[in-house]
């Protein structure tokens, strides 16, 4: 008989994390501990981490839905029933995979064996001009060759000046620049701003306008001088046919997959297969999970053949994160399976 225990946990940011939608100072998550009476010495850990005012399962009765789902869990995940609750689905997937792996890497990949790393982008949160300038310098000094800058909160001219400063100092061959507007542009101004950004050899821009403006986004993707990556646009689109319709209507250059937001591993794989069929690019990123969720996402990401940097650099955001076999060395994320793997579940056991 399987049993799931639920542990609420509040993650505290080391510094406020600013987006065009607001500022995060803490993030409430729920850790799941899955046990099986047939194997009393095993347990599997998962993380349920919806984002307030963003996740499609950010609903008033979320905690009761989570509790009921876990109490009803037998041995298999009801994927169809949980399509509209991607963060719960992802947490269950992780816990079940972790239990079955029994303190071993989840997948037979070079990354999971500790033989290869995953290159990630350096994430620059929104802040004042000076704060962002300092953060960018820190990432460059740490050895990052791909920088993702969140824009749309302070004056665009100041943000543009920051990006211009980087490009004047480093060529596109030396530094890849990504920007994430989090829907911060209006449809009327977006194309003009994209044309200016394209002059700086920007790799891509995530979600230039707010999600839900399908016709406007489709027009923008058709006319854009630089690649557009969909992120928030994918949230809440959980039916496979609706996913295909969305990609066919908008025709983005990239999509960005976040399992906690976009349907867990199962839903993420649906998005990826649809993108591949349409010759669209993609990459995988975390969505402010703790190291527990990040560890699962990174191992899962290693099963795909993606050559560009991934967005898995959120592990160092919190003052009270959980230690796992993940290790970040410059821009390289490593998984250390032989680095006392048992300390990860032991640390969680001590916390609860």
Protein backbone atom coordinates (compact mmCIF):
# COMPACT_ATOMS: atom_id res chain seq x y z
CA UNK A 1 0.00 0.00 0.00
CA UNK A 2 1.29 3.44 -0.95
CA UNK A 3 0.99 6.50 1.23
CA UNK A 4 1.75 10.17 0.59
CA UNK A 5 2.64 12.61 3.35
CA UNK A 6 2.43 16.33 2.56
CA UNK A 7 4.82 18.90 4.02
CA UNK A 8 4.13 22.62 3.40
CA UNK A 9 7.32 24.66 3.13
CA UNK A 10 8.00 28.35 2.50
CA UNK A 11 11.09 29.21 0.47
CA UNK A 12 12.63 32.63 1.16
CA UNK A 13 14.36 34.52 -1.64
CA UNK A 14 17.84 35.85 -0.95
CA UNK A 15 16.79 39.05 -2.67
CA UNK A 16 13.43 40.16 -4.11
CA UNK A 17 12.77 38.53 -7.48
CA UNK A 18 11.20 41.12 -9.76
CA UNK A 19 9.13 40.43 -12.85
CA UNK A 20 6.77 42.65 -14.85
CA UNK A 21 3.94 41.03 -12.86
CA UNK A 22 5.33 41.95 -9.46
CA UNK A 23 8.00 40.99 -6.94
CA UNK A 24 8.43 37.65 -5.16
CA UNK A 25 9.98 37.56 -1.68
CA UNK A 26 8.86 34.04 -0.75
CA UNK A 27 7.40 30.97 -2.43
CA UNK A 28 5.14 28.45 -0.73
CA UNK A 29 5.61 24.87 -1.92
CA UNK A 30 4.51 21.43 -0.75
CA UNK A 31 6.90 18.49 -0.54
CA UNK A 32 5.42 15.03 -1.08
CA UNK A 33 6.87 11.95 0.61
CA UNK A 34 5.70 8.73 -1.04
CA UNK A 35 6.17 5.40 0.71
CA UNK A 36 5.23 1.83 -0.15
CA UNK A 37 4.52 -0.72 2.62
CA UNK A 38 6.17 -3.41 0.49
CA UNK A 39 9.49 -1.52 0.63
CA UNK A 40 9.74 0.05 4.09
CA UNK A 41 13.31 1.28 3.55
CA UNK A 42 12.40 3.37 0.48
CA UNK A 43 10.70 6.70 -0.04
CA UNK A 44 10.20 9.07 -2.95
CA UNK A 45 10.20 12.86 -2.77
CA UNK A 46 8.37 15.25 -5.06
CA UNK A 47 7.64 18.96 -5.05
CA UNK A 48 4.39 20.78 -5.78
CA UNK A 49 5.21 24.41 -6.53
CA UNK A 50 2.45 26.49 -8.14
CA UNK A 51 3.19 30.16 -8.75
CA UNK A 52 0.68 32.71 -7.39
CA UNK A 53 -1.32 34.55 -10.05
CA UNK A 54 0.38 32.58 -12.81
CA UNK A 55 -0.21 28.82 -12.52
CA UNK A 56 -3.48 27.54 -13.95
CA UNK A 57 -3.92 25.55 -10.73
CA UNK A 58 -3.48 28.60 -8.50
CA UNK A 59 -7.03 28.27 -7.16
CA UNK A 60 -8.52 29.15 -3.73
CA UNK A 61 -9.04 25.52 -2.70
CA UNK A 62 -5.68 24.31 -4.04
CA UNK A 63 -4.48 22.81 -0.76
CA UNK A 64 -7.65 20.78 -0.28
CA UNK A 65 -7.41 19.52 -3.88
CA UNK A 66 -3.80 18.51 -3.25
CA UNK A 67 -4.71 16.77 -0.01
CA UNK A 68 -7.61 14.90 -1.56
CA UNK A 69 -5.51 13.84 -4.56
CA UNK A 70 -2.75 12.48 -2.36
CA UNK A 71 -5.16 10.65 -0.05
CA UNK A 72 -6.81 8.98 -3.04
CA UNK A 73 -3.53 8.00 -4.70
CA UNK A 74 -3.12 4.25 -5.11
CA UNK A 75 -0.18 3.34 -7.30
CA UNK A 76 -0.69 4.99 -10.68
CA UNK A 77 -1.22 8.63 -11.68
CA UNK A 78 -4.57 9.59 -13.19
CA UNK A 79 -3.10 11.86 -15.86
CA UNK A 80 -6.39 12.88 -17.46
CA UNK A 81 -7.90 13.91 -14.14
CA UNK A 82 -4.84 15.97 -13.25
CA UNK A 83 -4.29 17.74 -16.58
CA UNK A 84 -5.60 21.00 -15.13
CA UNK A 85 -3.36 20.70 -12.05
CA UNK A 86 0.14 20.62 -13.56
CA UNK A 87 2.04 21.39 -10.35
CA UNK A 88 0.29 18.52 -8.53
CA UNK A 89 0.85 16.22 -11.50
CA UNK A 90 4.55 17.09 -11.56
CA UNK A 91 4.92 16.54 -7.82
CA UNK A 92 3.35 13.09 -8.07
CA UNK A 93 5.46 12.18 -11.10
CA UNK A 94 8.62 13.14 -9.23
CA UNK A 95 7.70 11.27 -6.05
CA UNK A 96 6.78 8.11 -7.96
CA UNK A 97 9.90 8.24 -10.14
CA UNK A 98 12.03 8.85 -7.05
CA UNK A 99 10.51 5.91 -5.20
CA UNK A 100 11.05 3.57 -8.13
CA UNK A 101 14.63 4.75 -8.62
CA UNK A 102 15.42 3.97 -4.96
CA UNK A 103 18.20 6.56 -4.40
CA UNK A 104 19.60 6.07 -7.90
CA UNK A 105 19.62 8.51 -10.84
CA UNK A 106 16.27 8.61 -12.59
CA UNK A 107 17.53 8.13 -16.15
CA UNK A 108 20.39 6.40 -17.94
CA UNK A 109 21.98 9.55 -19.38
CA UNK A 110 25.53 10.95 -19.19
CA UNK A 111 24.22 13.82 -17.05
CA UNK A 112 22.54 11.49 -14.56
CA UNK A 113 25.73 9.40 -14.39
CA UNK A 114 27.73 12.54 -13.54
CA UNK A 115 29.71 12.30 -16.78
CA UNK A 116 28.38 15.43 -18.51
CA UNK A 117 26.96 18.75 -17.41
CA UNK A 118 24.05 20.85 -18.67
CA UNK A 119 24.91 24.38 -19.79
CA UNK A 120 22.48 26.94 -18.38
CA UNK A 121 21.81 30.63 -18.88
CA UNK A 122 22.59 33.21 -16.22
CA UNK A 123 19.33 34.76 -15.00
CA UNK A 124 19.23 38.52 -14.34
CA UNK A 125 16.21 39.57 -12.27
CA UNK A 126 14.54 42.93 -12.67
CA UNK A 127 15.67 45.69 -10.38
CA UNK A 128 17.03 49.19 -10.56
CA UNK A 129 19.46 50.04 -13.34
CA UNK A 130 22.41 49.80 -10.99
CA UNK A 131 21.22 46.51 -9.44
CA UNK A 132 20.81 44.91 -12.85
CA UNK A 133 24.17 46.22 -14.03
CA UNK A 134 25.92 44.66 -11.00
CA UNK A 135 24.09 41.35 -11.45
CA UNK A 136 25.07 41.17 -15.10
CA UNK A 137 28.72 41.79 -14.25
CA UNK A 138 28.58 39.04 -11.62
CA UNK A 139 27.20 36.50 -14.11
CA UNK A 140 29.80 37.38 -16.72
CA UNK A 141 32.57 37.13 -14.13
CA UNK A 142 31.25 33.70 -13.11
CA UNK A 143 31.82 32.45 -16.63
CA UNK A 144 28.32 32.54 -18.15
CA UNK A 145 28.19 32.78 -21.94
CA UNK A 146 24.39 33.00 -22.14
CA UNK A 147 22.62 35.72 -20.18
CA UNK A 148 18.86 36.01 -19.81
CA UNK A 149 17.68 39.46 -18.71
CA UNK A 150 14.17 40.08 -17.45
CA UNK A 151 12.83 43.34 -18.88
CA UNK A 152 9.58 45.27 -18.79
CA UNK A 153 9.52 46.61 -15.24
CA UNK A 154 11.85 49.61 -15.28
CA UNK A 155 12.20 52.17 -18.08
CA UNK A 156 12.80 50.40 -21.40
CA UNK A 157 15.48 52.88 -22.40
CA UNK A 158 17.51 51.97 -19.31
CA UNK A 159 17.04 48.27 -19.99
CA UNK A 160 18.08 48.80 -23.59
CA UNK A 161 21.17 50.71 -22.48
CA UNK A 162 22.19 47.76 -20.27
CA UNK A 163 21.85 45.31 -23.13
CA UNK A 164 23.65 47.70 -25.45
CA UNK A 165 26.50 47.95 -22.98
CA UNK A 166 26.90 44.15 -22.91
CA UNK A 167 26.84 43.92 -26.69
CA UNK A 168 29.41 46.68 -27.09
CA UNK A 169 31.77 44.74 -24.85
CA UNK A 170 30.98 41.19 -26.01
CA UNK A 171 30.17 39.97 -29.51
CA UNK A 172 27.34 37.47 -30.18
CA UNK A 173 30.04 34.79 -30.49
CA UNK A 174 31.18 35.56 -26.95
CA UNK A 175 27.86 36.18 -25.16
CA UNK A 176 24.37 35.02 -26.11
CA UNK A 177 21.68 37.44 -24.95
CA UNK A 178 18.13 36.38 -24.17
CA UNK A 179 15.42 38.66 -22.82
CA UNK A 180 12.17 37.86 -21.06
CA UNK A 181 9.45 40.50 -21.13
CA UNK A 182 6.90 38.45 -19.12
CA UNK A 183 4.17 40.06 -21.25
CA UNK A 184 5.39 43.57 -20.44
CA UNK A 185 4.92 45.13 -23.90
CA UNK A 186 1.65 46.27 -25.44
CA UNK A 187 0.78 44.90 -28.89
CA UNK A 188 1.04 48.43 -30.29
CA UNK A 189 4.62 49.01 -29.13
CA UNK A 190 5.97 45.46 -29.28
CA UNK A 191 7.19 45.33 -32.90
CA UNK A 192 9.09 48.60 -32.60
CA UNK A 193 10.83 47.39 -29.45
CA UNK A 194 11.65 44.04 -31.05
CA UNK A 195 13.18 45.83 -34.03
CA UNK A 196 15.43 47.81 -31.68
CA UNK A 197 16.39 44.72 -29.70
CA UNK A 198 17.20 42.85 -32.91
CA UNK A 199 19.97 45.37 -33.58
CA UNK A 200 21.73 43.98 -30.49
CA UNK A 201 21.75 40.43 -31.87
CA UNK A 202 19.36 39.15 -29.22
CA UNK A 203 18.95 35.35 -29.33
CA UNK A 204 15.23 35.43 -28.44
CA UNK A 205 12.57 37.22 -26.46
CA UNK A 206 10.15 35.38 -24.19
CA UNK A 207 6.50 36.37 -24.13
CA UNK A 208 6.75 39.97 -25.43
CA UNK A 209 3.02 40.61 -24.91
CA UNK A 210 0.53 39.23 -22.40
CA UNK A 211 -0.82 35.73 -22.96
CA UNK A 212 -4.28 35.32 -24.46
CA UNK A 213 -3.85 37.82 -27.31
CA UNK A 214 -3.64 35.06 -29.88
CA UNK A 215 -4.11 37.07 -33.07
CA UNK A 216 -1.72 39.79 -31.93
CA UNK A 217 0.92 37.23 -30.93
CA UNK A 218 0.52 35.37 -34.22
CA UNK A 219 1.02 38.60 -36.16
CA UNK A 220 4.04 39.46 -34.05
CA UNK A 221 5.63 36.03 -34.60
CA UNK A 222 5.13 36.46 -38.33
CA UNK A 223 6.66 39.95 -38.49
CA UNK A 224 9.28 39.75 -35.75
CA UNK A 225 12.94 40.46 -36.61
CA UNK A 226 14.10 38.22 -33.73
CA UNK A 227 12.84 34.83 -32.50
CA UNK A 228 9.92 34.78 -30.06
CA UNK A 229 9.58 32.11 -27.38
CA UNK A 230 6.20 31.31 -25.84
CA UNK A 231 6.06 30.79 -22.08
CA UNK A 232 2.97 32.08 -20.26
CA UNK A 233 1.01 31.52 -23.48
CA UNK A 234 1.21 27.77 -22.86
CA UNK A 235 -0.18 27.92 -19.31
CA UNK A 236 -3.65 26.43 -18.99
CA UNK A 237 -3.57 24.87 -22.47
CA UNK A 238 -3.64 21.29 -21.26
CA UNK A 239 -5.57 19.36 -23.91
CA UNK A 240 -3.32 17.89 -26.66
CA UNK A 241 -5.60 19.11 -29.46
CA UNK A 242 -5.69 22.62 -27.98
CA UNK A 243 -1.89 22.59 -27.76
CA UNK A 244 -1.60 21.74 -31.44
CA UNK A 245 -4.15 24.43 -32.36
CA UNK A 246 -2.28 27.07 -30.39
CA UNK A 247 1.06 26.30 -32.04
CA UNK A 248 -0.54 26.19 -35.48
CA UNK A 249 -2.22 29.57 -34.96
CA UNK A 250 0.74 31.43 -33.49
CA UNK A 251 3.74 29.68 -35.14
CA UNK A 252 6.34 30.74 -32.55
CA UNK A 253 10.03 30.25 -33.17
CA UNK A 254 10.51 28.62 -29.74
CA UNK A 255 8.50 27.29 -26.83
CA UNK A 256 9.77 27.09 -23.26
CA UNK A 257 8.79 24.10 -21.13
CA UNK A 258 8.31 24.37 -17.37
CA UNK A 259 6.87 21.10 -16.00
CA UNK A 260 5.24 22.72 -12.93
CA UNK A 261 3.35 25.10 -15.23
CA UNK A 262 2.97 23.18 -18.48
CA UNK A 263 1.60 19.77 -17.54
CA UNK A 264 4.31 17.96 -15.63
CA UNK A 265 6.70 15.67 -17.47
CA UNK A 266 3.84 14.10 -19.41
CA UNK A 267 2.44 17.43 -20.59
CA UNK A 268 5.91 18.77 -21.28
CA UNK A 269 6.66 15.83 -23.54
CA UNK A 270 3.43 16.49 -25.44
CA UNK A 271 4.50 20.09 -26.04
CA UNK A 272 7.98 19.03 -27.13
CA UNK A 273 6.73 16.43 -29.59
CA UNK A 274 4.30 18.94 -31.11
CA UNK A 275 7.09 21.51 -31.43
CA UNK A 276 9.42 18.99 -33.06
CA UNK A 277 6.74 18.06 -35.61
CA UNK A 278 6.47 21.75 -36.54
CA UNK A 279 10.25 22.35 -36.65
CA UNK A 280 10.00 24.75 -33.69
CA UNK A 281 12.82 25.08 -31.19
CA UNK A 282 12.42 24.59 -27.46
CA UNK A 283 14.27 24.53 -24.22
CA UNK A 284 13.45 23.46 -20.67
CA UNK A 285 13.55 25.57 -17.55
CA UNK A 286 12.55 25.56 -13.91
CA UNK A 287 9.78 27.73 -12.46
CA UNK A 288 11.16 28.77 -9.06
CA UNK A 289 11.03 25.29 -7.56
CA UNK A 290 13.44 24.37 -4.79
CA UNK A 291 16.37 22.09 -5.55
CA UNK A 292 14.02 19.10 -5.19
CA UNK A 293 11.95 20.05 -8.22
CA UNK A 294 15.02 21.38 -10.03
CA UNK A 295 16.83 18.06 -9.57
CA UNK A 296 13.96 16.22 -11.24
CA UNK A 297 13.65 18.76 -14.07
CA UNK A 298 17.38 18.68 -14.80
CA UNK A 299 17.50 14.88 -14.97
CA UNK A 300 14.40 14.83 -17.17
CA UNK A 301 15.86 17.55 -19.42
CA UNK A 302 18.97 15.44 -19.94
CA UNK A 303 16.87 12.87 -21.83
CA UNK A 304 16.34 15.33 -24.71
CA UNK A 305 18.87 16.33 -27.36
CA UNK A 306 19.05 20.09 -26.80
CA UNK A 307 22.28 21.87 -27.66
CA UNK A 308 21.39 25.40 -26.52
CA UNK A 309 21.63 26.53 -22.85
CA UNK A 310 18.73 25.54 -20.61
CA UNK A 311 17.00 27.70 -17.99
CA UNK A 312 17.87 25.64 -14.93
CA UNK A 313 19.66 28.28 -12.88
CA UNK A 314 17.18 28.94 -10.08
CA UNK A 315 18.76 26.63 -7.51
CA UNK A 316 20.63 29.39 -5.71
CA UNK A 317 17.72 31.78 -5.23
CA UNK A 318 16.71 30.80 -1.70
CA UNK A 319 18.15 31.17 1.78
CA UNK A 320 16.60 27.87 2.93
CA UNK A 321 16.89 25.59 -0.09
CA UNK A 322 17.38 21.82 0.21
CA UNK A 323 20.77 20.33 -0.55
CA UNK A 324 20.72 17.74 -3.34
CA UNK A 325 23.29 16.07 -5.62
CA UNK A 326 23.08 19.11 -7.95
CA UNK A 327 26.16 21.32 -8.19
CA UNK A 328 26.55 24.51 -10.22
CA UNK A 329 30.05 25.28 -11.46
CA UNK A 330 30.02 28.51 -13.44
CA UNK A 331 27.49 27.98 -16.21
CA UNK A 332 27.61 24.19 -15.89
CA UNK A 333 25.00 22.32 -13.87
CA UNK A 334 26.27 18.94 -12.67
CA UNK A 335 24.51 16.00 -11.08
CA UNK A 336 26.78 14.17 -8.60
CA UNK A 337 25.25 10.69 -8.06
CA UNK A 338 28.21 9.50 -5.99
CA UNK A 339 28.35 12.59 -3.77
CA UNK A 340 26.64 11.01 -0.75
CA UNK A 341 23.25 10.75 -2.43
CA UNK A 342 21.56 9.78 0.83
CA UNK A 343 22.11 13.24 2.32
CA UNK A 344 19.27 14.61 0.18
CA UNK A 345 16.46 12.50 1.71
CA UNK A 346 18.13 12.68 5.12
CA UNK A 347 18.06 16.47 5.03
CA UNK A 348 14.38 16.49 4.13
CA UNK A 349 13.64 13.97 6.88
CA UNK A 350 15.38 16.26 9.37
CA UNK A 351 13.33 19.26 8.21
CA UNK A 352 10.07 17.44 8.82
